[in-house]
Amino acid sequence: MELEFILDLIEKSGYLGLFLWLWLGVFGAPIPNEVIIMTVGLAASEEVLNPVITYFVTFFGMMAALTTCFLIGKYIGGPLLPFFQKRKRLSRTIDKSIKFMNKYHAHSLMISYFFPGLRNFVPFLYGVSKLPFKTFALFAYSGAFIWLTIMFSLGFWFGDHRDTIVKYETELFVVAGISLLVVVLFKLMRRKRRQKLKSTQ
């Protein structure tokens, strides 16, 4: 269903339509971001879309959405925040976002993209707090880039199984994180061993 929608969108509106949908449509879309991006990756894998162009259009759409959240928070977040906090569901998400921000500080902008619900509110709340735009852009865009690369690649190679991937998303990221940590530690140990051998020669 999502694949047909995206292909129809590209056919009617081109890549500009995809960009606008990722920028503005995602705010009201009932489809999880993970499913959207993996579906875009799947469409690229079937050669109906140019993979490189699709990737960058998707990234710029995500950057635009994050920037919009930040600017809304910066310029009208003050009056909006009490309104959101009166809504029970939004209030819980805001509380989680604030705890997340207090724990990880600016790094929460990078990490929050891996948590549905937080990825839009954390930029909004940093806009309210008047965080400098350069700091916001550095961490938010970096996190979006890493997340997009992972999800787009999963969609490109395993898009037919995207429902299962979304179901076990947290577990997959934990395994990927542990695997990356093991690789980094292994490389560090090899480097130290080489340095010791050099020093003894």
N, C-alpha and C. Protein backbone atom coordinates (compact mmCIF):
# COMPACT_ATOMS: atom_id res chain seq x y z
N MET A 1 0.84 -1.21 0.00
CA MET A 1 0.00 0.00 0.00
C MET A 1 0.87 1.26 0.00
N GLU A 2 1.88 1.31 0.94
CA GLU A 2 2.74 2.48 1.01
C GLU A 2 3.57 2.62 -0.26
N LEU A 3 4.04 1.47 -0.81
CA LEU A 3 4.86 1.52 -2.02
C LEU A 3 4.06 2.09 -3.18
N GLU A 4 2.82 1.66 -3.33
CA GLU A 4 1.97 2.16 -4.40
C GLU A 4 1.74 3.66 -4.25
N PHE A 5 1.56 4.10 -3.01
CA PHE A 5 1.34 5.53 -2.75
C PHE A 5 2.55 6.35 -3.15
N ILE A 6 3.75 5.88 -2.76
CA ILE A 6 4.98 6.61 -3.05
C ILE A 6 5.24 6.65 -4.56
N LEU A 7 5.04 5.52 -5.23
CA LEU A 7 5.23 5.48 -6.69
C LEU A 7 4.26 6.40 -7.40
N ASP A 8 3.03 6.44 -6.92
CA ASP A 8 2.02 7.33 -7.50
C ASP A 8 2.39 8.79 -7.26
N LEU A 9 2.92 9.07 -6.06
CA LEU A 9 3.34 10.42 -5.71
C LEU A 9 4.48 10.89 -6.63
N ILE A 10 5.47 10.01 -6.83
CA ILE A 10 6.60 10.36 -7.70
C ILE A 10 6.13 10.57 -9.14
N GLU A 11 5.23 9.69 -9.59
CA GLU A 11 4.74 9.78 -10.97
C GLU A 11 4.00 11.09 -11.21
N LYS A 12 3.22 11.53 -10.22
CA LYS A 12 2.40 12.74 -10.39
C LYS A 12 3.17 14.02 -10.08
N SER A 13 4.01 13.98 -9.06
CA SER A 13 4.65 15.22 -8.58
C SER A 13 6.17 15.22 -8.69
N GLY A 14 6.76 14.09 -9.05
CA GLY A 14 8.22 14.02 -9.15
C GLY A 14 8.88 14.01 -7.78
N TYR A 15 10.17 14.22 -7.79
CA TYR A 15 10.93 14.20 -6.53
C TYR A 15 10.54 15.38 -5.63
N LEU A 16 10.07 16.46 -6.23
CA LEU A 16 9.61 17.59 -5.42
C LEU A 16 8.43 17.18 -4.55
N GLY A 17 7.54 16.36 -5.10
CA GLY A 17 6.40 15.86 -4.33
C GLY A 17 6.85 15.00 -3.17
N LEU A 18 7.88 14.16 -3.41
CA LEU A 18 8.42 13.32 -2.33
C LEU A 18 9.02 14.19 -1.24
N PHE A 19 9.78 15.22 -1.64
CA PHE A 19 10.39 16.13 -0.67
C PHE A 19 9.32 16.82 0.18
N LEU A 20 8.30 17.36 -0.47
CA LEU A 20 7.24 18.08 0.25
C LEU A 20 6.48 17.15 1.18
N TRP A 21 6.26 15.91 0.74
CA TRP A 21 5.54 14.95 1.59
C TRP A 21 6.36 14.60 2.83
N LEU A 22 7.68 14.40 2.63
CA LEU A 22 8.54 14.09 3.77
C LEU A 22 8.70 15.29 4.69
N TRP A 23 8.63 16.48 4.12
CA TRP A 23 8.76 17.69 4.93
C TRP A 23 7.48 17.99 5.72
N LEU A 24 6.35 18.04 5.04
CA LEU A 24 5.12 18.48 5.68
C LEU A 24 4.13 17.35 5.97
N GLY A 25 4.08 16.37 5.06
CA GLY A 25 3.08 15.32 5.21
C GLY A 25 3.32 14.38 6.36
N VAL A 26 4.58 14.20 6.73
CA VAL A 26 4.93 13.26 7.80
C VAL A 26 4.32 13.69 9.13
N PHE A 27 4.11 15.01 9.34
CA PHE A 27 3.55 15.48 10.60
C PHE A 27 2.15 14.91 10.85
N GLY A 28 1.42 14.71 9.77
CA GLY A 28 0.06 14.20 9.95
C GLY A 28 -0.13 12.79 9.44
N ALA A 29 0.95 12.16 8.96
CA ALA A 29 0.83 10.81 8.38
C ALA A 29 0.71 9.77 9.49
N PRO A 30 -0.26 8.84 9.36
CA PRO A 30 -0.40 7.79 10.36
C PRO A 30 0.61 6.66 10.20
N ILE A 31 1.47 6.75 9.16
CA ILE A 31 2.45 5.70 8.88
C ILE A 31 3.74 6.01 9.63
N PRO A 32 4.32 5.05 10.36
CA PRO A 32 5.58 5.30 11.07
C PRO A 32 6.69 5.70 10.11
N ASN A 33 7.58 6.59 10.56
CA ASN A 33 8.69 7.05 9.72
C ASN A 33 9.54 5.90 9.21
N GLU A 34 9.72 4.87 10.06
CA GLU A 34 10.53 3.72 9.67
C GLU A 34 9.95 3.05 8.42
N VAL A 35 8.63 2.87 8.41
CA VAL A 35 7.96 2.23 7.27
C VAL A 35 8.08 3.11 6.02
N ILE A 36 7.93 4.43 6.21
CA ILE A 36 8.02 5.36 5.08
C ILE A 36 9.39 5.27 4.42
N ILE A 37 10.45 5.37 5.23
CA ILE A 37 11.80 5.40 4.66
C ILE A 37 12.18 4.05 4.06
N MET A 38 11.80 2.96 4.72
CA MET A 38 12.11 1.65 4.15
C MET A 38 11.34 1.41 2.86
N THR A 39 10.13 1.97 2.77
CA THR A 39 9.36 1.85 1.53
C THR A 39 10.01 2.65 0.41
N VAL A 40 10.53 3.83 0.75
CA VAL A 40 11.27 4.63 -0.23
C VAL A 40 12.51 3.87 -0.69
N GLY A 41 13.21 3.24 0.26
CA GLY A 41 14.37 2.43 -0.09
C GLY A 41 14.00 1.26 -0.99
N LEU A 42 12.87 0.62 -0.69
CA LEU A 42 12.39 -0.49 -1.51
C LEU A 42 12.08 -0.02 -2.93
N ALA A 43 11.43 1.15 -3.04
CA ALA A 43 11.12 1.71 -4.36
C ALA A 43 12.40 1.97 -5.15
N ALA A 44 13.44 2.45 -4.45
CA ALA A 44 14.72 2.71 -5.12
C ALA A 44 15.38 1.40 -5.56
N SER A 45 15.22 0.35 -4.76
CA SER A 45 15.83 -0.94 -5.10
C SER A 45 15.20 -1.57 -6.33
N GLU A 46 13.95 -1.24 -6.60
CA GLU A 46 13.23 -1.81 -7.75
C GLU A 46 13.46 -0.99 -9.02
N GLU A 47 14.40 -0.04 -8.93
CA GLU A 47 14.86 0.74 -10.08
C GLU A 47 13.78 1.61 -10.71
N VAL A 48 12.71 1.86 -9.94
CA VAL A 48 11.71 2.82 -10.43
C VAL A 48 12.10 4.23 -10.01
N LEU A 49 13.03 4.33 -9.04
CA LEU A 49 13.56 5.61 -8.60
C LEU A 49 15.09 5.53 -8.66
N ASN A 50 15.72 6.66 -8.89
CA ASN A 50 17.17 6.72 -8.84
C ASN A 50 17.61 6.68 -7.37
N PRO A 51 18.37 5.65 -6.95
CA PRO A 51 18.71 5.50 -5.53
C PRO A 51 19.41 6.71 -4.92
N VAL A 52 20.38 7.30 -5.65
CA VAL A 52 21.15 8.43 -5.12
C VAL A 52 20.26 9.66 -4.96
N ILE A 53 19.51 9.99 -6.02
CA ILE A 53 18.61 11.15 -5.96
C ILE A 53 17.57 10.95 -4.86
N THR A 54 16.99 9.75 -4.80
CA THR A 54 15.97 9.45 -3.80
C THR A 54 16.51 9.61 -2.39
N TYR A 55 17.74 9.11 -2.17
CA TYR A 55 18.35 9.21 -0.84
C TYR A 55 18.50 10.67 -0.41
N PHE A 56 19.04 11.50 -1.30
CA PHE A 56 19.28 12.89 -0.92
C PHE A 56 17.99 13.70 -0.83
N VAL A 57 17.02 13.41 -1.69
CA VAL A 57 15.71 14.08 -1.57
C VAL A 57 15.08 13.74 -0.23
N THR A 58 15.19 12.47 0.15
CA THR A 58 14.65 12.03 1.44
C THR A 58 15.37 12.72 2.60
N PHE A 59 16.70 12.81 2.51
CA PHE A 59 17.47 13.46 3.57
C PHE A 59 17.11 14.93 3.71
N PHE A 60 17.00 15.64 2.58
CA PHE A 60 16.64 17.05 2.63
C PHE A 60 15.22 17.25 3.16
N GLY A 61 14.32 16.33 2.83
CA GLY A 61 12.96 16.39 3.38
C GLY A 61 12.95 16.24 4.88
N MET A 62 13.78 15.30 5.38
CA MET A 62 13.90 15.09 6.83
C MET A 62 14.52 16.31 7.51
N MET A 63 15.57 16.88 6.88
CA MET A 63 16.20 18.08 7.43
C MET A 63 15.19 19.22 7.51
N ALA A 64 14.37 19.35 6.47
CA ALA A 64 13.36 20.41 6.47
C ALA A 64 12.35 20.21 7.58
N ALA A 65 11.93 18.95 7.81
CA ALA A 65 10.96 18.65 8.87
C ALA A 65 11.55 18.96 10.24
N LEU A 66 12.81 18.55 10.47
CA LEU A 66 13.47 18.82 11.76
C LEU A 66 13.62 20.32 11.98
N THR A 67 14.04 21.03 10.94
CA THR A 67 14.24 22.48 11.05
C THR A 67 12.91 23.18 11.33
N THR A 68 11.85 22.71 10.70
CA THR A 68 10.52 23.29 10.94
C THR A 68 10.11 23.12 12.40
N CYS A 69 10.33 21.91 12.94
CA CYS A 69 10.02 21.67 14.35
C CYS A 69 10.81 22.62 15.25
N PHE A 70 12.09 22.77 14.94
CA PHE A 70 12.95 23.66 15.74
C PHE A 70 12.48 25.11 15.66
N LEU A 71 12.17 25.59 14.47
CA LEU A 71 11.76 26.99 14.29
C LEU A 71 10.39 27.26 14.91
N ILE A 72 9.49 26.28 14.83
CA ILE A 72 8.19 26.43 15.49
C ILE A 72 8.39 26.60 16.99
N GLY A 73 9.29 25.76 17.54
CA GLY A 73 9.59 25.87 18.97
C GLY A 73 10.22 27.20 19.31
N LYS A 74 11.11 27.67 18.44
CA LYS A 74 11.84 28.91 18.72
C LYS A 74 10.93 30.14 18.70
N TYR A 75 10.02 30.19 17.73
CA TYR A 75 9.24 31.42 17.53
C TYR A 75 7.84 31.39 18.14
N ILE A 76 7.21 30.23 18.20
CA ILE A 76 5.86 30.19 18.81
C ILE A 76 5.71 29.05 19.82
N GLY A 77 6.87 28.49 20.22
CA GLY A 77 6.85 27.37 21.16
C GLY A 77 6.33 27.75 22.53
N GLY A 78 6.60 28.99 22.96
CA GLY A 78 6.16 29.45 24.29
C GLY A 78 4.66 29.28 24.49
N PRO A 79 3.82 29.83 23.60
CA PRO A 79 2.37 29.66 23.75
C PRO A 79 1.90 28.23 23.45
N LEU A 80 2.61 27.53 22.55
CA LEU A 80 2.17 26.18 22.15
C LEU A 80 2.43 25.14 23.22
N LEU A 81 3.53 25.28 23.96
CA LEU A 81 3.93 24.25 24.92
C LEU A 81 2.85 23.99 25.98
N PRO A 82 2.28 25.02 26.64
CA PRO A 82 1.21 24.76 27.60
C PRO A 82 -0.01 24.08 26.96
N PHE A 83 -0.28 24.44 25.69
CA PHE A 83 -1.40 23.82 24.97
C PHE A 83 -1.15 22.33 24.77
N PHE A 84 0.09 21.98 24.38
CA PHE A 84 0.44 20.56 24.18
C PHE A 84 0.40 19.80 25.51
N GLN A 85 0.86 20.46 26.58
CA GLN A 85 0.94 19.79 27.88
C GLN A 85 -0.43 19.48 28.47
N LYS A 86 -1.47 20.15 27.97
CA LYS A 86 -2.82 19.86 28.43
C LYS A 86 -3.38 18.59 27.81
N ARG A 87 -2.77 18.16 26.69
CA ARG A 87 -3.17 16.90 26.05
C ARG A 87 -2.41 15.75 26.70
N LYS A 88 -3.13 14.79 27.25
CA LYS A 88 -2.52 13.73 28.05
C LYS A 88 -1.42 12.99 27.29
N ARG A 89 -1.73 12.58 26.06
CA ARG A 89 -0.77 11.80 25.27
C ARG A 89 0.47 12.63 24.93
N LEU A 90 0.27 13.86 24.50
CA LEU A 90 1.39 14.73 24.16
C LEU A 90 2.20 15.09 25.40
N SER A 91 1.50 15.25 26.52
CA SER A 91 2.17 15.60 27.76
C SER A 91 3.17 14.52 28.18
N ARG A 92 2.78 13.25 28.01
CA ARG A 92 3.69 12.14 28.35
C ARG A 92 4.93 12.17 27.45
N THR A 93 4.71 12.44 26.15
CA THR A 93 5.83 12.49 25.20
C THR A 93 6.76 13.65 25.53
N ILE A 94 6.19 14.78 25.91
CA ILE A 94 7.00 15.95 26.28
C ILE A 94 7.82 15.65 27.53
N ASP A 95 7.21 15.00 28.52
CA ASP A 95 7.94 14.64 29.75
C ASP A 95 9.11 13.70 29.44
N LYS A 96 8.86 12.71 28.57
CA LYS A 96 9.92 11.79 28.18
C LYS A 96 11.04 12.53 27.44
N SER A 97 10.64 13.47 26.58
CA SER A 97 11.62 14.24 25.81
C SER A 97 12.49 15.09 26.73
N ILE A 98 11.88 15.71 27.71
CA ILE A 98 12.63 16.57 28.64
C ILE A 98 13.62 15.73 29.46
N LYS A 99 13.19 14.56 29.93
CA LYS A 99 14.09 13.67 30.68
C LYS A 99 15.25 13.22 29.79
N PHE A 100 14.93 12.93 28.55
CA PHE A 100 15.94 12.51 27.57
C PHE A 100 16.96 13.62 27.34
N MET A 101 16.46 14.85 27.21
CA MET A 101 17.32 16.01 27.00
C MET A 101 18.21 16.28 28.20
N ASN A 102 17.65 16.15 29.39
CA ASN A 102 18.42 16.37 30.62
C ASN A 102 19.54 15.33 30.78
N LYS A 103 19.29 14.14 30.27
CA LYS A 103 20.26 13.05 30.40
C LYS A 103 21.38 13.16 29.38
N TYR A 104 21.02 13.45 28.13
CA TYR A 104 22.01 13.43 27.05
C TYR A 104 22.37 14.81 26.51
N HIS A 105 21.69 15.85 26.97
CA HIS A 105 21.95 17.23 26.53
C HIS A 105 21.87 17.34 25.00
N ALA A 106 22.78 18.06 24.35
CA ALA A 106 22.66 18.27 22.91
C ALA A 106 22.73 16.97 22.11
N HIS A 107 23.40 15.96 22.68
CA HIS A 107 23.48 14.66 22.00
C HIS A 107 22.11 14.02 21.85
N SER A 108 21.14 14.45 22.67
CA SER A 108 19.79 13.89 22.57
C SER A 108 19.17 14.19 21.20
N LEU A 109 19.61 15.26 20.56
CA LEU A 109 19.12 15.57 19.21
C LEU A 109 19.53 14.48 18.23
N MET A 110 20.72 13.96 18.40
CA MET A 110 21.21 12.90 17.52
C MET A 110 20.54 11.56 17.85
N ILE A 111 20.44 11.25 19.14
CA ILE A 111 19.93 9.95 19.57
C ILE A 111 18.42 9.86 19.41
N SER A 112 17.72 10.99 19.59
CA SER A 112 16.24 10.96 19.62
C SER A 112 15.62 10.48 18.32
N TYR A 113 16.36 10.61 17.21
CA TYR A 113 15.78 10.18 15.94
C TYR A 113 15.54 8.68 15.89
N PHE A 114 16.16 7.95 16.81
CA PHE A 114 15.98 6.50 16.86
C PHE A 114 14.79 6.12 17.74
N PHE A 115 14.08 7.12 18.27
CA PHE A 115 12.94 6.85 19.14
C PHE A 115 11.69 7.55 18.61
N PRO A 116 10.74 6.78 18.05
CA PRO A 116 9.48 7.39 17.56
C PRO A 116 8.81 8.19 18.67
N GLY A 117 8.29 9.35 18.31
CA GLY A 117 7.65 10.20 19.31
C GLY A 117 8.57 11.30 19.79
N LEU A 118 9.83 10.92 20.07
CA LEU A 118 10.79 11.91 20.56
C LEU A 118 11.42 12.70 19.43
N ARG A 119 11.50 12.11 18.24
CA ARG A 119 12.27 12.71 17.15
C ARG A 119 11.72 14.06 16.70
N ASN A 120 10.45 14.33 16.91
CA ASN A 120 9.90 15.63 16.54
C ASN A 120 9.82 16.59 17.73
N PHE A 121 9.60 16.04 18.93
CA PHE A 121 9.44 16.92 20.09
C PHE A 121 10.77 17.43 20.64
N VAL A 122 11.83 16.63 20.53
CA VAL A 122 13.12 17.10 21.04
C VAL A 122 13.60 18.33 20.27
N PRO A 123 13.57 18.35 18.92
CA PRO A 123 13.91 19.60 18.21
C PRO A 123 13.00 20.76 18.57
N PHE A 124 11.71 20.49 18.73
CA PHE A 124 10.76 21.53 19.11
C PHE A 124 11.14 22.14 20.47
N LEU A 125 11.45 21.28 21.44
CA LEU A 125 11.78 21.75 22.79
C LEU A 125 13.12 22.49 22.81
N TYR A 126 14.05 22.06 21.97
CA TYR A 126 15.32 22.80 21.89
C TYR A 126 15.11 24.16 21.23
N GLY A 127 14.12 24.24 20.34
CA GLY A 127 13.76 25.54 19.78
C GLY A 127 13.19 26.45 20.86
N VAL A 128 12.36 25.90 21.72
CA VAL A 128 11.80 26.66 22.85
C VAL A 128 12.91 27.15 23.76
N SER A 129 13.92 26.30 23.96
CA SER A 129 15.03 26.67 24.87
C SER A 129 16.05 27.61 24.24
N LYS A 130 15.80 27.99 22.96
CA LYS A 130 16.68 28.93 22.24
C LYS A 130 18.10 28.40 22.04
N LEU A 131 18.22 27.10 21.81
CA LEU A 131 19.51 26.52 21.49
C LEU A 131 20.03 27.15 20.20
N PRO A 132 21.32 27.49 20.12
CA PRO A 132 21.86 28.06 18.87
C PRO A 132 21.61 27.13 17.69
N PHE A 133 21.26 27.72 16.55
CA PHE A 133 20.91 26.90 15.38
C PHE A 133 22.08 26.02 14.93
N LYS A 134 23.30 26.53 15.02
CA LYS A 134 24.47 25.75 14.60
C LYS A 134 24.59 24.46 15.40
N THR A 135 24.36 24.55 16.71
CA THR A 135 24.42 23.36 17.57
C THR A 135 23.30 22.40 17.21
N PHE A 136 22.09 22.97 17.02
CA PHE A 136 20.95 22.14 16.62
C PHE A 136 21.24 21.39 15.32
N ALA A 137 21.73 22.13 14.31
CA ALA A 137 21.97 21.54 12.99
C ALA A 137 23.02 20.44 13.06
N LEU A 138 24.10 20.67 13.81
CA LEU A 138 25.18 19.69 13.91
C LEU A 138 24.67 18.35 14.42
N PHE A 139 23.94 18.39 15.54
CA PHE A 139 23.51 17.14 16.17
C PHE A 139 22.27 16.55 15.50
N ALA A 140 21.30 17.39 15.17
CA ALA A 140 20.05 16.88 14.59
C ALA A 140 20.27 16.29 13.20
N TYR A 141 21.00 16.99 12.36
CA TYR A 141 21.22 16.51 10.99
C TYR A 141 22.12 15.27 10.98
N SER A 142 23.08 15.22 11.91
CA SER A 142 23.95 14.04 12.00
C SER A 142 23.14 12.80 12.37
N GLY A 143 22.26 12.97 13.36
CA GLY A 143 21.41 11.85 13.79
C GLY A 143 20.49 11.40 12.68
N ALA A 144 19.90 12.36 11.97
CA ALA A 144 19.00 12.04 10.86
C ALA A 144 19.75 11.31 9.75
N PHE A 145 20.98 11.75 9.48
CA PHE A 145 21.79 11.12 8.43
C PHE A 145 22.09 9.66 8.76
N ILE A 146 22.49 9.41 10.01
CA ILE A 146 22.81 8.04 10.43
C ILE A 146 21.56 7.16 10.38
N TRP A 147 20.45 7.68 10.95
CA TRP A 147 19.20 6.92 10.98
C TRP A 147 18.70 6.63 9.57
N LEU A 148 18.74 7.65 8.70
CA LEU A 148 18.27 7.48 7.33
C LEU A 148 19.11 6.44 6.59
N THR A 149 20.43 6.50 6.77
CA THR A 149 21.32 5.56 6.09
C THR A 149 20.97 4.12 6.48
N ILE A 150 20.71 3.91 7.77
CA ILE A 150 20.36 2.57 8.25
C ILE A 150 19.01 2.12 7.68
N MET A 151 17.98 2.96 7.84
CA MET A 151 16.63 2.57 7.43
C MET A 151 16.49 2.48 5.91
N PHE A 152 17.13 3.39 5.19
CA PHE A 152 17.09 3.36 3.72
C PHE A 152 17.77 2.08 3.21
N SER A 153 18.90 1.74 3.83
CA SER A 153 19.62 0.53 3.43
C SER A 153 18.81 -0.73 3.72
N LEU A 154 18.16 -0.76 4.89
CA LEU A 154 17.30 -1.90 5.22
C LEU A 154 16.17 -2.03 4.22
N GLY A 155 15.58 -0.89 3.85
CA GLY A 155 14.50 -0.90 2.86
C GLY A 155 15.00 -1.33 1.49
N PHE A 156 16.19 -0.86 1.14
CA PHE A 156 16.77 -1.17 -0.17
C PHE A 156 17.05 -2.66 -0.30
N TRP A 157 17.59 -3.26 0.77
CA TRP A 157 17.99 -4.67 0.69
C TRP A 157 16.93 -5.63 1.22
N PHE A 158 16.14 -5.18 2.24
CA PHE A 158 15.18 -6.10 2.87
C PHE A 158 13.79 -5.49 2.97
N GLY A 159 13.43 -4.63 2.01
CA GLY A 159 12.16 -3.89 2.08
C GLY A 159 10.92 -4.75 2.18
N ASP A 160 10.97 -5.97 1.63
CA ASP A 160 9.80 -6.85 1.69
C ASP A 160 9.50 -7.30 3.11
N HIS A 161 10.48 -7.15 4.00
CA HIS A 161 10.30 -7.59 5.40
C HIS A 161 10.23 -6.40 6.35
N ARG A 162 9.81 -5.24 5.85
CA ARG A 162 9.86 -4.02 6.67
C ARG A 162 8.96 -4.09 7.91
N ASP A 163 7.83 -4.79 7.84
CA ASP A 163 6.96 -4.90 9.02
C ASP A 163 7.67 -5.62 10.16
N THR A 164 8.41 -6.67 9.83
CA THR A 164 9.17 -7.41 10.85
C THR A 164 10.30 -6.55 11.40
N ILE A 165 10.96 -5.80 10.50
CA ILE A 165 12.06 -4.92 10.94
C ILE A 165 11.55 -3.87 11.91
N VAL A 166 10.40 -3.24 11.60
CA VAL A 166 9.83 -2.23 12.48
C VAL A 166 9.46 -2.83 13.83
N LYS A 167 8.94 -4.06 13.81
CA LYS A 167 8.53 -4.74 15.05
C LYS A 167 9.71 -4.95 15.99
N TYR A 168 10.86 -5.29 15.41
CA TYR A 168 12.05 -5.58 16.23
C TYR A 168 13.12 -4.50 16.06
N GLU A 169 12.67 -3.27 15.79
CA GLU A 169 13.61 -2.17 15.51
C GLU A 169 14.58 -1.94 16.65
N THR A 170 14.07 -1.87 17.89
CA THR A 170 14.93 -1.60 19.04
C THR A 170 16.00 -2.67 19.19
N GLU A 171 15.58 -3.94 19.08
CA GLU A 171 16.52 -5.05 19.20
C GLU A 171 17.60 -4.99 18.12
N LEU A 172 17.19 -4.64 16.89
CA LEU A 172 18.14 -4.55 15.78
C LEU A 172 19.17 -3.45 16.03
N PHE A 173 18.71 -2.29 16.54
CA PHE A 173 19.64 -1.20 16.81
C PHE A 173 20.60 -1.55 17.95
N VAL A 174 20.09 -2.29 18.95
CA VAL A 174 20.95 -2.72 20.05
C VAL A 174 22.04 -3.66 19.54
N VAL A 175 21.64 -4.63 18.72
CA VAL A 175 22.61 -5.57 18.15
C VAL A 175 23.62 -4.84 17.27
N ALA A 176 23.12 -3.90 16.43
CA ALA A 176 24.01 -3.13 15.56
C ALA A 176 24.99 -2.30 16.40
N GLY A 177 24.48 -1.69 17.48
CA GLY A 177 25.32 -0.87 18.35
C GLY A 177 26.40 -1.70 19.03
N ILE A 178 26.02 -2.89 19.53
CA ILE A 178 26.99 -3.78 20.18
C ILE A 178 28.04 -4.25 19.18
N SER A 179 27.58 -4.59 17.97
CA SER A 179 28.50 -5.05 16.92
C SER A 179 29.50 -3.96 16.57
N LEU A 180 29.01 -2.72 16.44
CA LEU A 180 29.89 -1.60 16.13
C LEU A 180 30.90 -1.37 17.25
N LEU A 181 30.43 -1.48 18.50
CA LEU A 181 31.31 -1.30 19.65
C LEU A 181 32.41 -2.36 19.66
N VAL A 182 32.04 -3.61 19.37
CA VAL A 182 33.02 -4.70 19.33
C VAL A 182 34.07 -4.44 18.26
N VAL A 183 33.63 -3.99 17.08
CA VAL A 183 34.57 -3.69 15.98
C VAL A 183 35.52 -2.58 16.38
N VAL A 184 34.99 -1.51 16.99
CA VAL A 184 35.82 -0.37 17.41
C VAL A 184 36.84 -0.82 18.46
N LEU A 185 36.39 -1.60 19.46
CA LEU A 185 37.29 -2.08 20.51
C LEU A 185 38.38 -2.98 19.93
N PHE A 186 37.97 -3.83 18.98
CA PHE A 186 38.94 -4.73 18.34
C PHE A 186 40.02 -3.93 17.61
N LYS A 187 39.60 -2.88 16.89
CA LYS A 187 40.56 -2.05 16.16
C LYS A 187 41.48 -1.29 17.10
N LEU A 188 40.92 -0.80 18.22
CA LEU A 188 41.74 -0.10 19.21
C LEU A 188 42.78 -1.01 19.83
N MET A 189 42.37 -2.26 20.13
CA MET A 189 43.29 -3.23 20.72
C MET A 189 44.42 -3.56 19.74
N ARG A 190 44.05 -3.70 18.44
CA ARG A 190 45.08 -3.98 17.43
C ARG A 190 46.06 -2.81 17.30
N ARG A 191 45.54 -1.60 17.37
CA ARG A 191 46.39 -0.41 17.26
C ARG A 191 47.36 -0.33 18.44
N LYS A 192 46.85 -0.60 19.65
CA LYS A 192 47.71 -0.56 20.84
C LYS A 192 48.79 -1.63 20.76
N ARG A 193 48.39 -2.81 20.24
CA ARG A 193 49.35 -3.91 20.12
C ARG A 193 50.46 -3.55 19.14
N ARG A 194 50.10 -2.90 18.03
CA ARG A 194 51.10 -2.47 17.06
C ARG A 194 52.04 -1.43 17.64
N GLN A 195 51.45 -0.50 18.42
CA GLN A 195 52.28 0.54 19.04
C GLN A 195 53.28 -0.07 20.03
N LYS A 196 52.85 -1.10 20.77
CA LYS A 196 53.74 -1.75 21.73
C LYS A 196 54.88 -2.47 20.99
N LEU A 197 54.52 -3.12 19.89
CA LEU A 197 55.54 -3.83 19.10
C LEU A 197 56.56 -2.84 18.53
N LYS A 198 56.10 -1.68 18.07
CA LYS A 198 56.99 -0.66 17.53
C LYS A 198 57.93 -0.12 18.61
N SER A 199 57.35 0.08 19.82
CA SER A 199 58.15 0.65 20.92
C SER A 199 59.21 -0.31 21.41
N THR A 200 58.96 -1.63 21.24
CA THR A 200 59.94 -2.62 21.69
C THR A 200 61.03 -2.90 20.65
N GLN A 201 60.82 -2.43 19.44
CA GLN A 201 61.79 -2.68 18.36
C GLN A 201 62.96 -1.69 18.42
